[in-house]
Amino acid sequence: MTQIIVSMSLYLIAVVVIGVFFARRANESTENYFLGGRGLGPWVAAMSAEASDMSGWLLMGLPGVAYWIGAADAAWTAIGLLAGTYINWLVVAKPLRRYSALAGNSITIPEFFSNRFKEQKSKPVLIIASMMILIFFAVYTASCFVTGGKLFAQLFGAPYLPMMLLGAFVVILYTLLGGFLAESMSDFVQGIVMICALIAVLALTVVRAGGFGELFDKIRGFPGFLTFFGMADPTLDANGVQIVTNGAPAFGAAKPYGFLTIISTLSWGLGYFGMPQVLLRFFAIRRSGDITRSRRIATVWCAISLAAAVLIGLAGRALYPASPELLTAGGAEGVFITIAKLFPPLIAGIMMAGILAAVMSSSDSYLLIASSALSKNIYQGILKKDADDDKVMFISRLALIGIAIVGVIIALDQNSKIFTLVSFAWAGFGAAFGPLVLFSLFWKRTTHAGAVAGMAVGGGMVFLWKLALKPLGGVFGIYELLPAFVLSCAAIVIVSLATKAPSSEIQEEFEAAKTFEC
């Protein structure tokens, strides 16, 4: 145990050192602090985008789903995410890099939307986008803190609350120090740690199981585990714990996994078009010409990482079919940790650092983007337009601490499912921002009123569908991102066509962005 603690402590120290190293450059200007001076190389841009995007759910949430109900849900989700990653880099990255630089040198997503539609006074687009960021990133940040708390609690047998607070403190510290550049550079390192940890844990699992053949033979013994069109049905007691009979976990007959469910799960890929932590890397990449290389790097990283995560969950069920700590839907998210403990202590600590890497690479992005929404967009953009860079960064740091506290409050419930928290926030951004990003880049007729309507309908529908319609089941049981995304697109088109066409200034800038060199 001492060696595990030493390995993880060294990792935490290294991450904080990165924050300190980049602190001076970050504090030179708000553009450096929030966007790294638009100087990210292709490797850093790609790896930091994917590491900040995937978060702790890649090493805990996704394997937990595969462990609990088999391949279908986890695999279709992974396929949707991989397709979304590739298409987003292919279609959105280069136009957004050009347009964000041309439209007032925008350094945040709300600022880009506001500049794109030439808002002058009340700025409803800026306000709504900023509020969406604050709401959904608070949930996202909480999911990261839950991951860190579960990791330390399970690893050290310590209470969940102090362990969660420890992880939150480290994230806040180095994000405060270094800003976007420190975050991106550390995320690059953390992306490497994450993929190495996933591959190593999967390799160990396969070896311990006696090879892939033996492994899959064991998994086939669980009904619904190895089909893309069926889903396992764990038999639970009154407390939600899977029943174990003679050392074997109990399952009912496999449930069908129909076409509508597949489409719903694949719709995770739509979320990428609205993910601020990914879109900001498009803003920040050094040159638009670097994007092709970044796309290849990001796609390969995602393909390997997602496949490994799903296989770890399945393999974990074969190795630990009835392990007591894995017999609830929430507990199953600890399967990566359970397997990683098979390594010698020093190596196990490095594997656990992979989870820390996932947590920290995401939560720092969420905190920085959310704090920029308050300081750069609300404070400087509306309340005090003459505020200088020093004042904006001071407000940003206060906002970061405040948002982190909200995330900690949400994360107090240690029974929270990481996958559930992430899926809700993912849907929120995907539906509120995704359609507007696409229409802003590719439809000149999009109007200011259409932008407001699209964000309001998309974000609002996520809440309505999740809380009121989804519990009805049937066709309403689909993932809330899909209907919210479609309705947001419809709102943008209908309202834009019903209102006055954009000004000649906006239309001319739209055309200029297509060939703008940067």
Protein backbone atom coordinates (compact mmCIF):
# COMPACT_ATOMS: atom_id res chain seq x y z
CA MET A 1 0.00 0.00 0.00
CA THR A 2 2.87 2.36 0.77
CA GLN A 3 4.25 1.94 -2.75
CA ILE A 4 0.81 2.71 -4.26
CA ILE A 5 0.59 5.88 -2.19
CA VAL A 6 4.12 6.90 -3.24
CA SER A 7 3.36 6.37 -6.96
CA MET A 8 0.15 8.36 -6.85
CA SER A 9 1.67 11.12 -4.71
CA LEU A 10 4.52 11.58 -7.16
CA TYR A 11 2.00 11.88 -9.95
CA LEU A 12 0.00 14.53 -8.10
CA ILE A 13 3.17 16.50 -7.37
CA ALA A 14 4.17 16.34 -11.05
CA VAL A 15 0.81 17.75 -12.13
CA VAL A 16 1.03 20.64 -9.67
CA VAL A 17 4.58 21.39 -10.88
CA ILE A 18 3.21 21.75 -14.41
CA GLY A 19 0.73 24.32 -13.11
CA VAL A 20 3.48 26.27 -11.38
CA PHE A 21 5.74 26.13 -14.44
CA PHE A 22 3.13 27.67 -16.72
CA ALA A 23 1.74 30.14 -14.16
CA ARG A 24 3.86 33.10 -15.30
CA ARG A 25 2.96 32.77 -18.98
CA ALA A 26 -0.70 32.18 -18.15
CA ASN A 27 -0.93 35.42 -16.19
CA GLU A 28 0.37 37.59 -19.04
CA SER A 29 -3.13 38.02 -20.51
CA THR A 30 -6.65 36.61 -20.45
CA GLU A 31 -6.02 35.09 -23.89
CA ASN A 32 -3.09 33.13 -22.46
CA TYR A 33 -4.99 32.17 -19.31
CA PHE A 34 -8.17 31.03 -21.05
CA LEU A 35 -6.80 29.88 -24.44
CA GLY A 36 -3.04 29.38 -24.17
CA GLY A 37 -2.36 32.16 -26.68
CA ARG A 38 -3.68 30.01 -29.55
CA GLY A 39 -0.38 28.15 -29.56
CA LEU A 40 -1.19 24.45 -29.10
CA GLY A 41 0.66 22.03 -31.35
CA PRO A 42 -1.20 19.14 -33.04
CA TRP A 43 -0.23 16.49 -30.48
CA VAL A 44 -1.10 18.63 -27.45
CA ALA A 45 -4.35 19.85 -29.01
CA ALA A 46 -5.49 16.32 -29.90
CA MET A 47 -4.45 14.54 -26.71
CA SER A 48 -5.65 17.28 -24.37
CA ALA A 49 -9.00 17.45 -26.18
CA GLU A 50 -9.61 13.73 -25.80
CA ALA A 51 -8.28 13.43 -22.25
CA SER A 52 -10.40 16.35 -21.03
CA ASP A 53 -13.39 14.98 -22.92
CA MET A 54 -13.33 11.37 -21.74
CA SER A 55 -12.88 12.05 -18.00
CA GLY A 56 -13.15 9.45 -15.24
CA TRP A 57 -16.09 7.72 -16.86
CA LEU A 58 -13.71 6.18 -19.44
CA LEU A 59 -11.87 4.19 -16.78
CA MET A 60 -14.77 3.69 -14.37
CA GLY A 61 -18.17 4.53 -15.87
CA LEU A 62 -17.84 2.74 -19.23
CA PRO A 63 -16.19 -0.44 -17.87
CA GLY A 64 -18.84 -0.42 -15.14
CA VAL A 65 -21.66 -0.48 -17.71
CA ALA A 66 -20.00 -3.38 -19.58
CA TYR A 67 -19.46 -5.28 -16.31
CA TRP A 68 -23.04 -4.75 -15.20
CA ILE A 69 -25.16 -5.38 -18.32
CA GLY A 70 -22.77 -6.65 -20.99
CA ALA A 71 -21.35 -5.43 -24.27
CA ALA A 72 -24.28 -3.84 -26.10
CA ASP A 73 -24.84 -0.57 -24.23
CA ALA A 74 -21.14 0.13 -23.68
CA ALA A 75 -20.10 -0.87 -27.22
CA TRP A 76 -22.77 1.14 -29.06
CA THR A 77 -21.92 4.14 -26.87
CA ALA A 78 -18.24 3.73 -27.74
CA ILE A 79 -19.02 3.45 -31.47
CA GLY A 80 -21.11 6.63 -31.33
CA LEU A 81 -18.34 8.48 -29.50
CA LEU A 82 -15.66 7.33 -31.92
CA ALA A 83 -17.72 8.41 -34.93
CA GLY A 84 -18.51 11.74 -33.25
CA THR A 85 -14.84 12.36 -32.50
CA TYR A 86 -13.77 11.80 -36.10
CA ILE A 87 -16.60 13.79 -37.68
CA ASN A 88 -16.15 16.69 -35.27
CA TRP A 89 -12.44 17.02 -36.09
CA LEU A 90 -13.17 16.54 -39.80
CA VAL A 91 -16.11 18.92 -40.20
CA VAL A 92 -16.05 21.46 -37.38
CA ALA A 93 -12.43 21.98 -36.31
CA LYS A 94 -11.00 23.98 -39.22
CA PRO A 95 -14.03 26.26 -39.86
CA LEU A 96 -14.33 26.98 -36.14
CA ARG A 97 -10.62 27.78 -35.81
CA ARG A 98 -10.96 30.31 -38.65
CA TYR A 99 -14.27 31.83 -37.62
CA SER A 100 -13.36 32.19 -33.92
CA ALA A 101 -10.24 34.16 -34.86
CA LEU A 102 -12.07 36.33 -37.39
CA ALA A 103 -15.09 37.02 -35.16
CA GLY A 104 -13.44 39.38 -32.70
CA ASN A 105 -10.67 36.92 -31.78
CA SER A 106 -13.16 35.02 -29.59
CA ILE A 107 -11.59 33.06 -26.74
CA THR A 108 -14.70 31.44 -25.20
CA ILE A 109 -17.69 29.62 -26.74
CA PRO A 110 -20.28 32.19 -25.51
CA GLU A 111 -18.08 35.01 -26.82
CA PHE A 112 -17.87 33.32 -30.24
CA PHE A 113 -21.66 32.98 -30.45
CA SER A 114 -22.12 36.60 -29.36
CA ASN A 115 -19.54 37.92 -31.82
CA ARG A 116 -20.86 35.71 -34.62
CA PHE A 117 -24.28 37.41 -34.37
CA LYS A 118 -22.87 40.89 -33.60
CA GLU A 119 -24.63 41.39 -30.26
CA GLN A 120 -24.38 44.94 -28.99
CA LYS A 121 -26.38 45.65 -25.84
CA SER A 122 -28.47 43.07 -23.99
CA LYS A 123 -26.52 40.07 -25.38
CA PRO A 124 -29.03 37.26 -24.74
CA VAL A 125 -26.93 34.72 -26.67
CA LEU A 126 -23.91 35.46 -24.47
CA ILE A 127 -25.97 35.22 -21.29
CA ILE A 128 -27.82 32.00 -22.18
CA ALA A 129 -24.64 30.26 -23.36
CA SER A 130 -22.80 31.29 -20.20
CA MET A 131 -25.61 30.04 -17.97
CA MET A 132 -25.70 26.70 -19.80
CA ILE A 133 -21.98 26.33 -19.18
CA LEU A 134 -22.35 27.09 -15.47
CA ILE A 135 -25.22 24.63 -15.01
CA PHE A 136 -23.87 21.66 -16.94
CA PHE A 137 -20.23 22.05 -15.97
CA ALA A 138 -21.22 22.02 -12.30
CA VAL A 139 -22.68 18.56 -12.94
CA TYR A 140 -19.64 17.52 -14.98
CA THR A 141 -17.26 18.69 -12.26
CA ALA A 142 -19.25 16.76 -9.68
CA SER A 143 -18.88 13.56 -11.74
CA CYS A 144 -15.10 13.98 -11.64
CA PHE A 145 -15.09 14.54 -7.90
CA VAL A 146 -17.25 11.43 -7.43
CA THR A 147 -14.74 9.43 -9.48
CA GLY A 148 -11.83 10.63 -7.37
CA GLY A 149 -13.69 9.98 -4.14
CA LYS A 150 -14.62 6.43 -5.17
CA LEU A 151 -11.06 5.73 -6.27
CA PHE A 152 -9.45 6.75 -2.98
CA ALA A 153 -12.20 5.26 -0.83
CA GLN A 154 -11.99 1.85 -2.49
CA LEU A 155 -8.21 1.88 -2.72
CA PHE A 156 -7.39 2.93 0.82
CA GLY A 157 -10.51 1.82 2.65
CA ALA A 158 -10.96 5.42 3.75
CA PRO A 159 -14.22 7.39 4.10
CA TYR A 160 -15.53 8.73 0.81
CA LEU A 161 -15.97 12.39 1.84
CA PRO A 162 -12.39 13.32 2.82
CA MET A 163 -11.03 11.41 -0.17
CA MET A 164 -13.31 13.29 -2.55
CA LEU A 165 -12.31 16.62 -0.99
CA LEU A 166 -8.61 15.78 -1.37
CA GLY A 167 -8.95 15.17 -5.11
CA ALA A 168 -10.99 18.35 -5.53
CA PHE A 169 -8.35 20.40 -3.72
CA VAL A 170 -5.51 19.27 -6.00
CA VAL A 171 -7.51 20.02 -9.14
CA ILE A 172 -8.44 23.50 -7.91
CA LEU A 173 -4.86 24.27 -6.93
CA TYR A 174 -3.13 23.63 -10.22
CA THR A 175 -5.97 25.03 -12.35
CA LEU A 176 -5.78 28.27 -10.38
CA LEU A 177 -2.05 28.44 -10.96
CA GLY A 178 -1.62 27.66 -14.63
CA GLY A 179 -4.83 28.22 -16.56
CA PHE A 180 -5.52 26.76 -20.00
CA LEU A 181 -1.91 26.19 -21.04
CA ALA A 182 -1.04 24.26 -17.88
CA GLU A 183 -4.28 22.37 -18.24
CA SER A 184 -3.56 21.45 -21.88
CA MET A 185 0.04 20.41 -21.25
CA SER A 186 -0.91 18.32 -18.23
CA ASP A 187 -3.82 16.83 -20.16
CA PHE A 188 -1.36 15.76 -22.87
CA VAL A 189 0.64 13.86 -20.25
CA GLN A 190 -2.52 12.53 -18.66
CA GLY A 191 -3.83 11.30 -22.00
CA ILE A 192 -0.68 9.19 -22.33
CA VAL A 193 -1.09 7.87 -18.78
CA MET A 194 -4.75 7.01 -19.40
CA ILE A 195 -4.21 4.99 -22.57
CA CYS A 196 -1.19 3.16 -21.12
CA ALA A 197 -3.17 2.26 -18.00
CA LEU A 198 -6.10 0.96 -20.06
CA ILE A 199 -3.88 -1.20 -22.26
CA ALA A 200 -1.89 -2.55 -19.31
CA VAL A 201 -4.96 -3.47 -17.26
CA LEU A 202 -6.60 -5.14 -20.26
CA ALA A 203 -3.43 -7.12 -21.01
CA LEU A 204 -3.20 -8.30 -17.42
CA THR A 205 -6.84 -9.36 -17.44
CA VAL A 206 -6.42 -11.41 -20.59
CA VAL A 207 -3.30 -13.13 -19.23
CA ARG A 208 -4.98 -13.94 -15.90
CA ALA A 209 -7.98 -15.38 -17.74
CA GLY A 210 -5.81 -17.69 -19.84
CA GLY A 211 -6.13 -15.83 -23.13
CA PHE A 212 -8.95 -14.30 -25.14
CA GLY A 213 -10.50 -17.68 -25.95
CA GLU A 214 -10.82 -18.71 -22.32
CA LEU A 215 -11.96 -15.22 -21.38
CA PHE A 216 -14.83 -15.14 -23.86
CA ASP A 217 -15.87 -18.68 -22.96
CA LYS A 218 -16.41 -17.49 -19.39
CA ILE A 219 -18.30 -14.37 -20.47
CA ARG A 220 -20.67 -16.41 -22.68
CA GLY A 221 -21.93 -18.05 -19.52
CA PHE A 222 -23.76 -14.83 -18.62
CA PRO A 223 -26.94 -14.37 -20.68
CA GLY A 224 -26.92 -11.31 -22.92
CA PHE A 225 -23.29 -10.36 -22.34
CA LEU A 226 -21.78 -10.92 -25.77
CA THR A 227 -24.48 -9.77 -28.14
CA PHE A 228 -24.89 -6.36 -29.74
CA PHE A 229 -28.67 -6.82 -29.80
CA GLY A 230 -29.35 -7.98 -26.26
CA MET A 231 -28.66 -6.83 -22.73
CA ALA A 232 -28.00 -8.73 -19.51
CA ASP A 233 -30.53 -8.47 -16.69
CA PRO A 234 -28.89 -8.84 -13.24
CA THR A 235 -31.26 -10.28 -10.63
CA LEU A 236 -31.32 -7.89 -7.66
CA ASP A 237 -32.49 -8.04 -4.08
CA ALA A 238 -34.57 -5.32 -2.41
CA ASN A 239 -31.44 -3.22 -1.83
CA GLY A 240 -30.35 -3.23 -5.46
CA VAL A 241 -27.56 -5.75 -4.86
CA GLN A 242 -27.12 -8.59 -7.36
CA ILE A 243 -28.09 -11.96 -5.91
CA VAL A 244 -25.32 -14.57 -5.77
CA THR A 245 -26.17 -18.28 -5.68
CA ASN A 246 -23.43 -20.84 -4.98
CA GLY A 247 -20.78 -18.28 -5.88
CA ALA A 248 -22.39 -17.38 -9.23
CA PRO A 249 -24.16 -14.06 -9.99
CA ALA A 250 -27.85 -14.45 -10.83
CA PHE A 251 -29.25 -13.19 -14.13
CA GLY A 252 -32.69 -13.22 -15.69
CA ALA A 253 -33.28 -13.82 -19.38
CA ALA A 254 -31.46 -11.35 -21.64
CA LYS A 255 -33.44 -8.26 -22.57
CA PRO A 256 -33.75 -7.15 -26.22
CA TYR A 257 -31.62 -4.26 -27.40
CA GLY A 258 -33.69 -2.89 -30.26
CA PHE A 259 -33.09 -0.55 -33.17
CA LEU A 260 -34.47 2.51 -31.38
CA THR A 261 -32.18 1.88 -28.41
CA ILE A 262 -29.18 1.52 -30.72
CA ILE A 263 -29.97 4.83 -32.45
CA SER A 264 -30.43 6.42 -29.04
CA THR A 265 -27.08 5.14 -27.81
CA LEU A 266 -25.24 6.09 -31.00
CA SER A 267 -26.55 9.63 -30.53
CA TRP A 268 -23.83 10.12 -27.90
CA GLY A 269 -21.71 11.09 -30.91
CA LEU A 270 -23.89 14.16 -31.51
CA GLY A 271 -22.68 15.60 -28.25
CA TYR A 272 -19.24 16.35 -29.63
CA PHE A 273 -20.48 19.25 -31.73
CA GLY A 274 -21.31 21.14 -28.53
CA MET A 275 -18.58 20.13 -26.07
CA PRO A 276 -16.80 23.32 -24.92
CA GLN A 277 -13.74 21.43 -23.66
CA VAL A 278 -13.20 20.00 -27.16
CA LEU A 279 -14.26 23.06 -29.17
CA LEU A 280 -11.81 25.27 -27.28
CA ARG A 281 -8.95 23.09 -28.52
CA PHE A 282 -10.10 23.95 -32.04
CA PHE A 283 -9.86 27.62 -31.06
CA ALA A 284 -6.43 27.14 -29.52
CA ILE A 285 -4.58 25.01 -32.08
CA ARG A 286 -1.56 26.84 -33.46
CA ARG A 287 -2.49 26.69 -37.15
CA SER A 288 -5.54 25.42 -39.00
CA GLY A 289 -3.14 23.36 -41.11
CA ASP A 290 -2.28 21.25 -38.02
CA ILE A 291 -5.84 19.99 -37.69
CA THR A 292 -5.49 17.01 -40.06
CA ARG A 293 -2.70 15.53 -37.95
CA SER A 294 -4.63 16.25 -34.74
CA ARG A 295 -7.67 14.47 -36.14
CA ARG A 296 -5.67 11.31 -36.80
CA ILE A 297 -4.09 11.36 -33.37
CA ALA A 298 -7.41 11.94 -31.61
CA THR A 299 -9.23 9.22 -33.55
CA VAL A 300 -6.58 6.57 -32.91
CA TRP A 301 -6.42 7.48 -29.21
CA CYS A 302 -10.20 7.21 -28.91
CA ALA A 303 -10.43 3.90 -30.80
CA ILE A 304 -7.84 2.20 -28.59
CA SER A 305 -9.07 3.69 -25.31
CA LEU A 306 -12.78 3.02 -25.86
CA ALA A 307 -12.20 -0.55 -27.02
CA ALA A 308 -9.95 -1.26 -24.05
CA ALA A 309 -12.46 0.22 -21.58
CA VAL A 310 -15.34 -1.93 -22.86
CA LEU A 311 -13.21 -5.09 -22.88
CA ILE A 312 -11.98 -4.41 -19.33
CA GLY A 313 -15.57 -4.33 -18.10
CA LEU A 314 -16.42 -7.63 -19.81
CA ALA A 315 -13.19 -9.27 -18.71
CA GLY A 316 -13.75 -8.06 -15.16
CA ARG A 317 -17.04 -9.97 -15.03
CA ALA A 318 -15.20 -13.12 -16.12
CA LEU A 319 -12.46 -12.73 -13.49
CA TYR A 320 -14.64 -11.38 -10.67
CA PRO A 321 -18.18 -12.60 -11.39
CA ALA A 322 -19.44 -12.10 -7.84
CA SER A 323 -16.99 -9.80 -6.08
CA PRO A 324 -18.95 -8.13 -3.23
CA GLU A 325 -17.82 -4.57 -4.03
CA LEU A 326 -18.99 -4.92 -7.65
CA LEU A 327 -22.53 -6.23 -7.06
CA THR A 328 -24.40 -2.93 -7.48
CA ALA A 329 -24.70 -0.73 -10.57
CA GLY A 330 -22.64 1.98 -8.85
CA GLY A 331 -20.15 -0.45 -7.34
CA ALA A 332 -19.51 -2.04 -10.74
CA GLU A 333 -17.78 1.19 -11.75
CA GLY A 334 -14.85 0.11 -9.57
CA VAL A 335 -13.95 -2.89 -11.75
CA PHE A 336 -10.86 -1.14 -13.19
CA ILE A 337 -9.55 -0.57 -9.65
CA THR A 338 -10.22 -4.17 -8.64
CA ILE A 339 -8.21 -5.49 -11.58
CA ALA A 340 -5.42 -2.93 -11.22
CA LYS A 341 -4.76 -4.20 -7.70
CA LEU A 342 -3.44 -7.41 -9.26
CA PHE A 343 -0.29 -5.54 -10.30
CA PRO A 344 2.71 -5.22 -7.96
CA PRO A 345 2.05 -2.23 -5.65
CA LEU A 346 4.35 0.24 -7.41
CA ILE A 347 2.83 -0.55 -10.83
CA ALA A 348 -0.68 -0.59 -9.36
CA GLY A 349 -0.09 2.96 -8.16
CA ILE A 350 0.75 4.03 -11.70
CA MET A 351 -2.45 2.35 -12.96
CA MET A 352 -4.47 4.19 -10.34
CA ALA A 353 -2.78 7.37 -11.54
CA GLY A 354 -4.55 6.67 -14.83
CA ILE A 355 -7.87 7.28 -13.09
CA LEU A 356 -6.48 10.38 -11.43
CA ALA A 357 -5.33 11.52 -14.86
CA ALA A 358 -8.84 11.07 -16.23
CA VAL A 359 -10.40 12.93 -13.32
CA MET A 360 -7.98 15.82 -13.35
CA SER A 361 -7.75 16.25 -17.12
CA SER A 362 -11.49 16.79 -17.25
CA SER A 363 -12.31 18.66 -14.07
CA ASP A 364 -9.63 21.29 -14.71
CA SER A 365 -11.16 21.98 -18.14
CA TYR A 366 -14.66 22.18 -16.72
CA LEU A 367 -13.64 24.55 -13.95
CA LEU A 368 -11.65 26.83 -16.23
CA ILE A 369 -14.36 27.07 -18.89
CA ALA A 370 -17.10 27.63 -16.31
CA SER A 371 -15.11 30.33 -14.53
CA SER A 372 -14.44 32.05 -17.87
CA ALA A 373 -18.20 32.14 -18.49
CA LEU A 374 -18.64 34.18 -15.33
CA SER A 375 -15.55 36.38 -15.49
CA LYS A 376 -14.97 36.93 -19.21
CA ASN A 377 -18.53 36.71 -20.53
CA ILE A 378 -20.81 37.92 -17.73
CA TYR A 379 -18.50 40.20 -15.72
CA GLN A 380 -16.41 41.79 -18.50
CA GLY A 381 -18.87 41.22 -21.33
CA ILE A 382 -21.92 42.72 -19.61
CA LEU A 383 -21.42 44.05 -16.07
CA LYS A 384 -18.08 45.87 -16.34
CA LYS A 385 -16.96 46.19 -19.94
CA ASP A 386 -13.86 48.28 -19.09
CA ALA A 387 -12.42 45.67 -16.68
CA ASP A 388 -8.73 45.01 -17.36
CA ASP A 389 -7.08 41.58 -17.65
CA ASP A 390 -5.90 41.52 -14.02
CA LYS A 391 -9.41 42.12 -12.74
CA VAL A 392 -10.93 39.53 -15.06
CA MET A 393 -8.45 36.87 -13.95
CA PHE A 394 -9.06 37.71 -10.30
CA ILE A 395 -12.81 37.30 -10.78
CA SER A 396 -12.14 34.12 -12.73
CA ARG A 397 -10.26 32.57 -9.86
CA LEU A 398 -13.00 33.47 -7.40
CA ALA A 399 -15.58 32.01 -9.76
CA LEU A 400 -13.52 28.84 -10.17
CA ILE A 401 -13.51 28.26 -6.43
CA GLY A 402 -17.25 28.94 -6.22
CA ILE A 403 -18.08 26.52 -9.04
CA ALA A 404 -15.83 23.88 -7.49
CA ILE A 405 -17.75 24.23 -4.22
CA VAL A 406 -21.03 23.65 -6.08
CA GLY A 407 -19.47 20.55 -7.69
CA VAL A 408 -18.37 19.29 -4.28
CA ILE A 409 -21.90 19.74 -2.92
CA ILE A 410 -23.37 17.72 -5.79
CA ALA A 411 -20.66 15.07 -5.27
CA LEU A 412 -21.49 14.57 -1.59
CA ASP A 413 -23.68 11.60 -2.52
CA GLN A 414 -21.20 8.74 -2.85
CA ASN A 415 -23.88 6.54 -4.42
CA SER A 416 -24.02 8.77 -7.51
CA LYS A 417 -23.42 6.86 -10.74
CA ILE A 418 -20.63 8.50 -12.71
CA PHE A 419 -22.09 7.39 -16.03
CA THR A 420 -25.48 8.93 -15.20
CA LEU A 421 -24.03 12.30 -14.21
CA VAL A 422 -21.86 12.45 -17.33
CA SER A 423 -24.67 11.42 -19.68
CA PHE A 424 -26.92 14.25 -18.43
CA ALA A 425 -24.27 16.98 -18.76
CA TRP A 426 -23.18 15.57 -22.14
CA ALA A 427 -26.76 15.80 -23.40
CA GLY A 428 -27.06 19.35 -22.10
CA PHE A 429 -24.07 20.67 -24.02
CA GLY A 430 -24.73 18.56 -27.08
CA ALA A 431 -28.28 19.85 -27.46
CA ALA A 432 -27.77 23.46 -26.35
CA PHE A 433 -24.55 24.18 -28.28
CA GLY A 434 -24.12 21.46 -30.92
CA PRO A 435 -26.84 22.54 -33.37
CA LEU A 436 -25.91 26.21 -33.00
CA VAL A 437 -22.23 25.48 -33.70
CA LEU A 438 -23.15 23.65 -36.91
CA PHE A 439 -25.65 26.25 -38.12
CA SER A 440 -23.32 29.12 -37.20
CA LEU A 441 -20.56 27.62 -39.33
CA PHE A 442 -22.55 26.30 -42.27
CA TRP A 443 -25.84 28.23 -42.68
CA LYS A 444 -25.53 31.92 -43.49
CA ARG A 445 -29.27 32.49 -42.94
CA THR A 446 -29.05 31.67 -39.21
CA THR A 447 -30.34 34.67 -37.27
CA HIS A 448 -29.78 36.01 -33.79
CA ALA A 449 -33.32 35.04 -32.78
CA GLY A 450 -32.77 31.56 -34.19
CA ALA A 451 -29.63 31.21 -32.08
CA VAL A 452 -31.50 32.17 -28.91
CA ALA A 453 -34.34 29.78 -29.72
CA GLY A 454 -31.98 26.91 -30.53
CA MET A 455 -30.08 27.11 -27.26
CA ALA A 456 -33.21 27.60 -25.15
CA VAL A 457 -35.09 24.72 -26.77
CA GLY A 458 -32.09 22.36 -26.75
CA GLY A 459 -31.09 22.97 -23.14
CA GLY A 460 -34.66 23.10 -21.86
CA MET A 461 -35.68 19.91 -23.66
CA VAL A 462 -32.85 17.97 -21.99
CA PHE A 463 -34.36 18.76 -18.60
CA LEU A 464 -37.95 18.14 -19.76
CA TRP A 465 -37.17 14.83 -21.45
CA LYS A 466 -34.93 13.53 -18.66
CA LEU A 467 -37.18 14.46 -15.75
CA ALA A 468 -40.72 14.28 -17.15
CA LEU A 469 -40.87 12.21 -20.34
CA LYS A 470 -38.17 9.56 -19.97
CA PRO A 471 -39.78 7.97 -16.88
CA LEU A 472 -42.83 7.17 -19.06
CA GLY A 473 -40.76 4.53 -20.87
CA GLY A 474 -41.42 3.19 -24.36
CA VAL A 475 -40.37 5.55 -27.12
CA PHE A 476 -39.74 8.21 -24.46
CA GLY A 477 -36.99 6.03 -22.95
CA ILE A 478 -34.44 7.14 -25.55
CA TYR A 479 -31.41 9.18 -24.56
CA GLU A 480 -32.52 12.79 -24.08
CA LEU A 481 -29.74 14.15 -26.31
CA LEU A 482 -31.36 12.83 -29.50
CA PRO A 483 -34.79 14.51 -29.28
CA ALA A 484 -33.32 17.66 -27.75
CA PHE A 485 -30.74 17.95 -30.55
CA VAL A 486 -33.38 17.47 -33.27
CA LEU A 487 -35.76 19.99 -31.71
CA SER A 488 -32.96 22.52 -31.27
CA CYS A 489 -32.16 22.23 -34.99
CA ALA A 490 -35.82 22.68 -35.83
CA ALA A 491 -36.07 25.76 -33.61
CA ILE A 492 -33.04 27.39 -35.27
CA VAL A 493 -34.41 26.80 -38.77
CA ILE A 494 -38.02 27.80 -38.06
CA VAL A 495 -37.20 30.96 -36.09
CA SER A 496 -34.43 32.03 -38.49
CA LEU A 497 -36.74 31.74 -41.49
CA ALA A 498 -39.49 33.60 -39.62
CA THR A 499 -37.24 36.55 -38.74
CA LYS A 500 -35.32 39.13 -40.72
CA ALA A 501 -32.22 37.88 -42.55
CA PRO A 502 -28.83 38.65 -40.94
CA SER A 503 -27.21 41.98 -41.76
CA SER A 504 -24.83 42.33 -44.70
CA GLU A 505 -21.96 42.69 -42.20
CA ILE A 506 -22.71 39.28 -40.66
CA GLN A 507 -23.12 37.63 -44.06
CA GLU A 508 -19.89 39.11 -45.39
CA GLU A 509 -17.98 37.90 -42.35
CA PHE A 510 -19.55 34.44 -42.79
CA GLU A 511 -18.17 34.27 -46.33
CA ALA A 512 -14.77 35.67 -45.31
CA ALA A 513 -14.40 32.97 -42.62
CA LYS A 514 -14.39 30.25 -45.27
CA THR A 515 -10.98 31.31 -46.56
CA PHE A 516 -9.53 33.17 -43.57
CA GLU A 517 -5.91 32.12 -43.04
CA CYS A 518 -4.79 31.55 -39.47
